[in-house]
N, C-alpha and C. Protein backbone atom coordinates (compact mmCIF):
# COMPACT_ATOMS: atom_id res chain seq x y z
N MET A 1 106.99 104.47 136.23
CA MET A 1 106.44 104.38 134.88
C MET A 1 107.34 105.16 133.92
N CYS A 2 107.41 104.71 132.73
CA CYS A 2 108.22 105.31 131.67
C CYS A 2 107.67 106.69 131.29
N GLU A 3 108.53 107.70 131.33
CA GLU A 3 108.11 109.07 131.01
C GLU A 3 107.67 109.20 129.55
N GLU A 4 108.37 108.52 128.65
CA GLU A 4 108.00 108.60 127.24
C GLU A 4 106.65 107.94 127.00
N LYS A 5 106.40 106.84 127.65
CA LYS A 5 105.10 106.18 127.51
C LYS A 5 104.00 107.10 128.03
N THR A 6 104.25 107.76 129.14
CA THR A 6 103.27 108.70 129.69
C THR A 6 103.00 109.83 128.70
N ARG A 7 104.06 110.36 128.12
CA ARG A 7 103.91 111.45 127.15
C ARG A 7 103.13 110.98 125.92
N LEU A 8 103.49 109.83 125.40
CA LEU A 8 102.80 109.31 124.21
C LEU A 8 101.34 108.99 124.51
N THR A 9 101.07 108.52 125.71
CA THR A 9 99.69 108.25 126.12
C THR A 9 98.88 109.54 126.16
N GLU A 10 99.48 110.60 126.66
CA GLU A 10 98.80 111.90 126.71
C GLU A 10 98.56 112.44 125.30
N VAL A 11 99.54 112.31 124.42
CA VAL A 11 99.39 112.77 123.03
C VAL A 11 98.25 112.00 122.37
N TYR A 12 98.22 110.69 122.58
CA TYR A 12 97.17 109.86 121.99
C TYR A 12 95.79 110.24 122.55
N GLY A 13 95.71 110.44 123.84
CA GLY A 13 94.44 110.83 124.46
C GLY A 13 93.94 112.17 123.94
N ASP A 14 94.86 113.11 123.79
CA ASP A 14 94.49 114.42 123.26
C ASP A 14 94.00 114.31 121.82
N ALA A 15 94.72 113.55 121.03
CA ALA A 15 94.35 113.40 119.61
C ALA A 15 93.00 112.70 119.46
N THR A 16 92.75 111.67 120.24
CA THR A 16 91.47 110.97 120.12
C THR A 16 90.33 111.85 120.62
N GLY A 17 90.59 112.65 121.63
CA GLY A 17 89.57 113.58 122.11
C GLY A 17 89.21 114.61 121.05
N LYS A 18 90.22 115.14 120.38
CA LYS A 18 89.98 116.13 119.34
C LYS A 18 89.31 115.49 118.12
N PHE A 19 89.66 114.26 117.82
CA PHE A 19 89.01 113.54 116.73
C PHE A 19 87.53 113.35 117.05
N SER A 20 87.24 112.91 118.26
CA SER A 20 85.86 112.70 118.67
C SER A 20 85.07 114.00 118.60
N HIS A 21 85.66 115.08 119.07
CA HIS A 21 85.00 116.38 119.03
C HIS A 21 84.73 116.81 117.59
N SER A 22 85.70 116.58 116.72
CA SER A 22 85.53 116.99 115.32
C SER A 22 84.44 116.17 114.64
N VAL A 23 84.31 114.89 114.99
CA VAL A 23 83.24 114.07 114.42
C VAL A 23 81.89 114.58 114.90
N ASN A 24 81.79 114.95 116.16
CA ASN A 24 80.53 115.50 116.69
C ASN A 24 80.16 116.79 115.97
N GLU A 25 81.15 117.66 115.76
CA GLU A 25 80.90 118.90 115.03
C GLU A 25 80.44 118.62 113.61
N LEU A 26 81.07 117.65 112.97
CA LEU A 26 80.71 117.28 111.61
C LEU A 26 79.27 116.79 111.55
N GLN A 27 78.88 115.96 112.49
CA GLN A 27 77.51 115.45 112.53
C GLN A 27 76.50 116.58 112.71
N GLU A 28 76.87 117.58 113.50
CA GLU A 28 75.97 118.72 113.72
C GLU A 28 75.78 119.55 112.45
N LYS A 29 76.75 119.50 111.54
CA LYS A 29 76.70 120.30 110.32
C LYS A 29 75.87 119.67 109.21
N VAL A 30 75.58 118.39 109.33
CA VAL A 30 74.83 117.69 108.28
C VAL A 30 73.47 118.36 108.11
N GLY A 31 73.20 118.83 106.90
CA GLY A 31 71.93 119.45 106.58
C GLY A 31 71.74 120.85 107.13
N LYS A 32 72.74 121.38 107.82
CA LYS A 32 72.60 122.70 108.44
C LYS A 32 73.64 123.71 107.94
N SER A 33 74.50 123.28 107.04
CA SER A 33 75.56 124.18 106.60
C SER A 33 75.74 124.08 105.09
N SER A 34 76.54 124.98 104.58
CA SER A 34 76.84 124.94 103.15
C SER A 34 77.77 123.76 102.88
N ILE A 35 77.85 123.40 101.63
CA ILE A 35 78.75 122.31 101.23
C ILE A 35 80.19 122.66 101.59
N GLU A 36 80.57 123.90 101.37
CA GLU A 36 81.94 124.33 101.67
C GLU A 36 82.26 124.20 103.15
N GLU A 37 81.32 124.65 103.99
CA GLU A 37 81.54 124.56 105.43
C GLU A 37 81.59 123.10 105.88
N TYR A 38 80.69 122.28 105.36
CA TYR A 38 80.69 120.86 105.70
C TYR A 38 82.02 120.21 105.29
N GLU A 39 82.50 120.52 104.09
CA GLU A 39 83.77 119.95 103.61
C GLU A 39 84.93 120.39 104.50
N ARG A 40 84.90 121.61 104.97
CA ARG A 40 85.96 122.09 105.87
C ARG A 40 85.97 121.27 107.16
N PHE A 41 84.81 121.02 107.72
CA PHE A 41 84.72 120.21 108.93
C PHE A 41 85.09 118.75 108.65
N ARG A 42 84.73 118.25 107.48
CA ARG A 42 85.07 116.88 107.13
C ARG A 42 86.58 116.70 107.01
N ARG A 43 87.23 117.67 106.39
CA ARG A 43 88.70 117.61 106.25
C ARG A 43 89.37 117.69 107.62
N ALA A 44 88.89 118.55 108.47
CA ALA A 44 89.46 118.66 109.82
C ALA A 44 89.29 117.36 110.58
N SER A 45 88.14 116.76 110.45
CA SER A 45 87.88 115.48 111.11
C SER A 45 88.83 114.40 110.60
N GLU A 46 89.05 114.37 109.31
CA GLU A 46 89.96 113.39 108.72
C GLU A 46 91.39 113.62 109.20
N GLU A 47 91.79 114.87 109.31
CA GLU A 47 93.14 115.17 109.80
C GLU A 47 93.32 114.69 111.23
N TRP A 48 92.31 114.88 112.07
CA TRP A 48 92.41 114.41 113.46
C TRP A 48 92.36 112.88 113.53
N ARG A 49 91.65 112.24 112.60
CA ARG A 49 91.64 110.77 112.57
C ARG A 49 93.04 110.26 112.28
N VAL A 50 93.69 110.85 111.29
CA VAL A 50 95.04 110.44 110.92
C VAL A 50 96.01 110.71 112.07
N HIS A 51 95.92 111.88 112.67
CA HIS A 51 96.80 112.22 113.79
C HIS A 51 96.60 111.25 114.94
N SER A 52 95.37 110.91 115.22
CA SER A 52 95.06 109.96 116.29
C SER A 52 95.67 108.59 116.00
N GLU A 53 95.55 108.15 114.77
CA GLU A 53 96.11 106.85 114.38
C GLU A 53 97.64 106.87 114.48
N GLN A 54 98.26 107.95 114.07
CA GLN A 54 99.71 108.07 114.17
C GLN A 54 100.16 108.05 115.64
N ALA A 55 99.42 108.71 116.49
CA ALA A 55 99.75 108.73 117.91
C ALA A 55 99.60 107.34 118.51
N ARG A 56 98.57 106.62 118.11
CA ARG A 56 98.37 105.26 118.61
C ARG A 56 99.52 104.36 118.18
N LEU A 57 99.91 104.47 116.93
CA LEU A 57 101.02 103.65 116.44
C LEU A 57 102.33 103.98 117.16
N ALA A 58 102.58 105.25 117.40
CA ALA A 58 103.80 105.65 118.12
C ALA A 58 103.80 105.05 119.53
N LEU A 59 102.67 105.09 120.19
CA LEU A 59 102.57 104.51 121.53
C LEU A 59 102.78 103.01 121.48
N GLU A 60 102.13 102.33 120.55
CA GLU A 60 102.28 100.87 120.43
C GLU A 60 103.72 100.49 120.11
N GLN A 61 104.37 101.23 119.22
CA GLN A 61 105.75 100.94 118.88
C GLN A 61 106.68 101.14 120.06
N HIS A 62 106.44 102.18 120.83
CA HIS A 62 107.25 102.43 122.00
C HIS A 62 107.12 101.29 123.01
N VAL A 63 105.89 100.90 123.28
CA VAL A 63 105.65 99.83 124.25
C VAL A 63 106.30 98.53 123.77
N ALA A 64 106.17 98.24 122.48
CA ALA A 64 106.76 97.00 121.94
C ALA A 64 108.29 97.02 122.02
N ALA A 65 108.87 98.16 121.75
CA ALA A 65 110.33 98.27 121.73
C ALA A 65 110.93 98.30 123.13
N HIS A 66 110.23 98.92 124.06
CA HIS A 66 110.81 99.14 125.40
C HIS A 66 110.21 98.24 126.47
N LYS A 67 109.19 97.48 126.09
CA LYS A 67 108.53 96.54 127.02
C LYS A 67 108.06 97.24 128.29
N CYS A 68 107.55 98.46 128.13
CA CYS A 68 107.07 99.20 129.31
C CYS A 68 105.57 99.36 129.30
């Protein structure tokens, strides 16, 4: 198996896991935290969503380019 594909798959898995965790934390804050705290969690969740999407694209591009 391609080492780069393995690495990119791990990066993507880590990013999606952190995104999922951040969404769960955000849901727990609804109605239980200040607006400032909620916004902080919302921004973190959005950052992990973007990172996850970038990791997915990098993996897809690698697979398409290298046919692995």
